[in-house]
Structure formats: structure tokens, C-alpha cells
N, C-alpha and C. Protein backbone atom coordinates (compact mmCIF):
# COMPACT_ATOMS: atom_id res chain seq x y z
N MET A 1 -5.55 22.70 -1.78
CA MET A 1 -4.42 23.27 -1.14
C MET A 1 -3.53 22.29 -0.28
N ILE A 2 -2.29 22.29 -0.65
CA ILE A 2 -1.48 21.21 0.12
C ILE A 2 -0.90 22.04 1.38
N ARG A 3 -1.28 21.31 2.39
CA ARG A 3 -0.65 21.92 3.79
C ARG A 3 0.51 21.20 4.26
N GLU A 4 1.26 21.99 5.05
CA GLU A 4 2.34 21.30 5.69
C GLU A 4 1.92 20.50 6.84
N PRO A 5 2.49 19.35 7.21
CA PRO A 5 2.02 18.54 8.26
C PRO A 5 2.01 19.27 9.70
N SER A 6 2.77 20.23 9.91
CA SER A 6 2.67 20.92 11.04
C SER A 6 1.53 21.94 11.24
N GLU A 7 0.87 22.10 10.11
CA GLU A 7 -0.41 22.99 10.02
C GLU A 7 -1.63 22.22 10.37
N LEU A 8 -1.55 20.78 10.45
CA LEU A 8 -2.77 20.07 10.61
C LEU A 8 -2.76 19.52 11.98
N LEU A 9 -3.98 19.18 12.37
CA LEU A 9 -4.29 18.76 13.69
C LEU A 9 -4.54 17.25 13.54
N TRP A 10 -3.43 16.48 13.82
CA TRP A 10 -3.31 15.04 13.56
C TRP A 10 -3.85 14.24 14.78
N PHE A 11 -4.63 13.21 14.49
CA PHE A 11 -5.17 12.37 15.73
C PHE A 11 -5.22 10.89 15.31
N LYS A 12 -5.30 10.14 16.36
CA LYS A 12 -5.29 8.68 16.12
C LYS A 12 -6.74 8.25 16.56
N SER A 13 -7.28 7.19 15.86
CA SER A 13 -8.66 6.67 16.19
C SER A 13 -8.70 6.35 17.48
N SER A 14 -9.79 6.51 18.09
CA SER A 14 -10.04 5.81 19.57
C SER A 14 -10.15 4.43 19.43
N TYR A 15 -10.37 3.73 18.42
CA TYR A 15 -10.39 2.28 18.12
C TYR A 15 -8.98 1.77 17.94
N SER A 16 -7.95 2.45 17.89
CA SER A 16 -6.68 2.06 17.60
C SER A 16 -6.30 1.19 18.90
N ASP A 17 -5.87 0.01 18.70
CA ASP A 17 -5.51 -0.82 19.83
C ASP A 17 -4.25 -1.61 19.54
N SER A 18 -3.01 -1.21 20.11
CA SER A 18 -1.75 -1.86 19.83
C SER A 18 -0.88 -2.04 21.13
N SER A 19 -0.17 -2.86 21.25
CA SER A 19 0.78 -2.83 22.49
C SER A 19 1.77 -1.75 22.09
N ASN A 20 1.99 -1.17 20.99
CA ASN A 20 2.96 -0.02 20.72
C ASN A 20 2.00 1.00 20.23
N GLY A 21 1.80 2.16 21.11
CA GLY A 21 1.01 3.15 20.83
C GLY A 21 1.43 3.92 19.47
N ASN A 22 2.55 3.65 18.99
CA ASN A 22 3.03 4.26 17.69
C ASN A 22 2.53 3.49 16.38
N ASP A 23 1.96 2.31 16.63
CA ASP A 23 1.41 1.41 15.39
C ASP A 23 0.13 1.91 15.05
N CYS A 24 0.00 3.13 14.42
CA CYS A 24 -1.37 3.62 14.18
C CYS A 24 -1.28 4.39 12.73
N VAL A 25 -2.40 4.61 12.34
CA VAL A 25 -2.59 5.51 11.28
C VAL A 25 -3.22 6.72 11.88
N GLU A 26 -2.65 7.98 11.48
CA GLU A 26 -3.34 9.26 11.98
C GLU A 26 -4.03 9.92 10.90
N ILE A 27 -4.96 10.66 11.15
CA ILE A 27 -5.64 11.45 10.13
C ILE A 27 -5.78 12.95 10.56
N ALA A 28 -5.96 13.76 9.74
CA ALA A 28 -6.08 15.17 10.01
C ALA A 28 -7.12 15.75 8.92
N ALA A 29 -8.30 16.33 9.20
CA ALA A 29 -9.15 16.75 8.47
C ALA A 29 -9.15 18.17 8.23
N THR A 30 -9.38 18.54 7.05
CA THR A 30 -9.61 19.97 6.54
C THR A 30 -10.89 20.00 5.75
N PRO A 31 -11.47 21.23 5.48
CA PRO A 31 -12.70 21.23 4.86
C PRO A 31 -12.78 20.46 3.50
N ASP A 32 -11.64 20.54 2.83
CA ASP A 32 -11.71 19.91 1.45
C ASP A 32 -10.82 18.60 1.36
N SER A 33 -10.17 18.05 2.40
CA SER A 33 -9.52 16.81 2.32
C SER A 33 -9.23 16.16 3.66
N ILE A 34 -9.08 14.88 3.57
CA ILE A 34 -8.71 14.12 4.71
C ILE A 34 -7.26 13.52 4.55
N HIS A 35 -6.35 13.91 5.41
CA HIS A 35 -4.95 13.63 5.32
C HIS A 35 -4.66 12.47 6.20
N ILE A 36 -3.92 11.44 5.74
CA ILE A 36 -3.71 10.23 6.39
C ILE A 36 -2.22 9.89 6.48
N ARG A 37 -1.59 9.56 7.47
CA ARG A 37 -0.18 9.30 7.63
C ARG A 37 -0.01 8.09 8.56
N ASP A 38 1.29 7.55 8.54
CA ASP A 38 1.73 6.54 9.39
C ASP A 38 2.30 7.17 10.57
N SER A 39 1.86 6.79 11.84
CA SER A 39 2.32 7.42 12.86
C SER A 39 3.75 7.26 13.33
N LYS A 40 4.34 6.22 12.64
CA LYS A 40 5.67 5.98 12.92
C LYS A 40 6.69 6.80 11.99
N ASN A 41 6.13 7.38 11.08
CA ASN A 41 6.87 8.05 10.17
C ASN A 41 6.08 9.41 9.72
N VAL A 42 6.06 10.35 10.80
CA VAL A 42 5.21 11.61 10.67
C VAL A 42 5.73 12.46 9.49
N HIS A 43 6.98 12.40 9.24
CA HIS A 43 7.51 13.16 8.07
C HIS A 43 7.53 12.73 6.78
N GLY A 44 7.11 11.30 6.64
CA GLY A 44 7.07 10.55 5.53
C GLY A 44 5.93 10.89 4.70
N PRO A 45 5.66 10.05 3.59
CA PRO A 45 4.64 10.30 2.78
C PRO A 45 3.20 10.26 3.50
N ARG A 46 2.28 10.91 2.88
CA ARG A 46 0.90 10.88 3.36
C ARG A 46 -0.03 10.85 2.03
N LEU A 47 -1.31 10.61 2.50
CA LEU A 47 -2.29 10.46 1.45
C LEU A 47 -3.41 11.39 1.85
N ALA A 48 -3.93 12.14 0.72
CA ALA A 48 -5.01 13.08 1.08
C ALA A 48 -6.06 12.53 0.00
N LEU A 49 -7.23 12.53 0.78
CA LEU A 49 -8.57 11.99 -0.10
C LEU A 49 -9.66 13.11 0.18
N ALA A 50 -10.47 13.06 -0.87
CA ALA A 50 -11.64 13.97 -0.85
C ALA A 50 -12.52 13.45 0.36
N PRO A 51 -13.27 14.24 1.05
CA PRO A 51 -14.08 13.84 2.07
C PRO A 51 -15.07 12.77 1.62
N THR A 52 -15.60 12.84 0.49
CA THR A 52 -16.43 11.80 0.10
C THR A 52 -15.87 10.35 -0.05
N ALA A 53 -14.63 10.37 -0.69
CA ALA A 53 -13.70 9.19 -0.77
C ALA A 53 -13.49 8.69 0.54
N TRP A 54 -13.21 9.53 1.55
CA TRP A 54 -12.89 8.98 3.04
C TRP A 54 -14.16 8.33 3.54
N THR A 55 -15.41 8.99 3.33
CA THR A 55 -16.55 8.46 3.80
C THR A 55 -17.01 7.09 3.17
N ASP A 56 -16.72 6.98 2.06
CA ASP A 56 -16.84 5.71 1.28
C ASP A 56 -15.83 4.60 1.97
N PHE A 57 -14.57 4.88 2.14
CA PHE A 57 -13.74 3.98 2.76
C PHE A 57 -14.07 3.66 4.09
N VAL A 58 -14.48 4.47 4.97
CA VAL A 58 -14.89 4.13 6.37
C VAL A 58 -15.95 3.19 6.29
N GLU A 59 -17.01 3.53 5.55
CA GLU A 59 -18.20 2.60 5.50
C GLU A 59 -17.83 1.26 4.90
N TYR A 60 -16.93 1.28 4.02
CA TYR A 60 -16.47 -0.18 3.45
C TYR A 60 -15.66 -0.75 4.70
N ALA A 61 -14.72 -0.17 5.18
CA ALA A 61 -14.13 -0.79 6.44
C ALA A 61 -14.95 -1.27 7.52
N ALA A 62 -15.98 -0.56 7.73
CA ALA A 62 -16.84 -0.86 8.91
C ALA A 62 -17.65 -2.16 8.83
N GLU A 63 -17.73 -2.62 7.49
CA GLU A 63 -18.52 -3.74 7.19
C GLU A 63 -17.87 -5.04 7.62
């Protein structure tokens, strides 16, 4: 199901650290997908991943 950005609860990682608070990636989770967008362009393109793909990415990025 494709949801409108306004229907999602977007948040930034607590690990985000930048002199500009808008230089972040935001995510919004639903039961069947993880949505990712650029905080500087909230109405722009976004990516949706299956939860397993998101888990794999986070594990890889944490290494």
C-alpha cells in the first residue's frame, strides 16, 4: 500500500549530528514497509523498503 507522506509519522535518527538540523534522512515505519526521505525535500522522492531489507541495511551500516 502506498501511503501519502502526510499519513506517515516521520522521524530523524537520534544519531543524526549536523550543524544544520535539516541535513538528515528521515524514516517512517509501517507494518509492511520502511519509508525513507531527505529531510531537506520532504515532498520529493522517497524510498520504501521491506522491513527485512531495512534490517539488513542497518546491520551493514553499523559495521
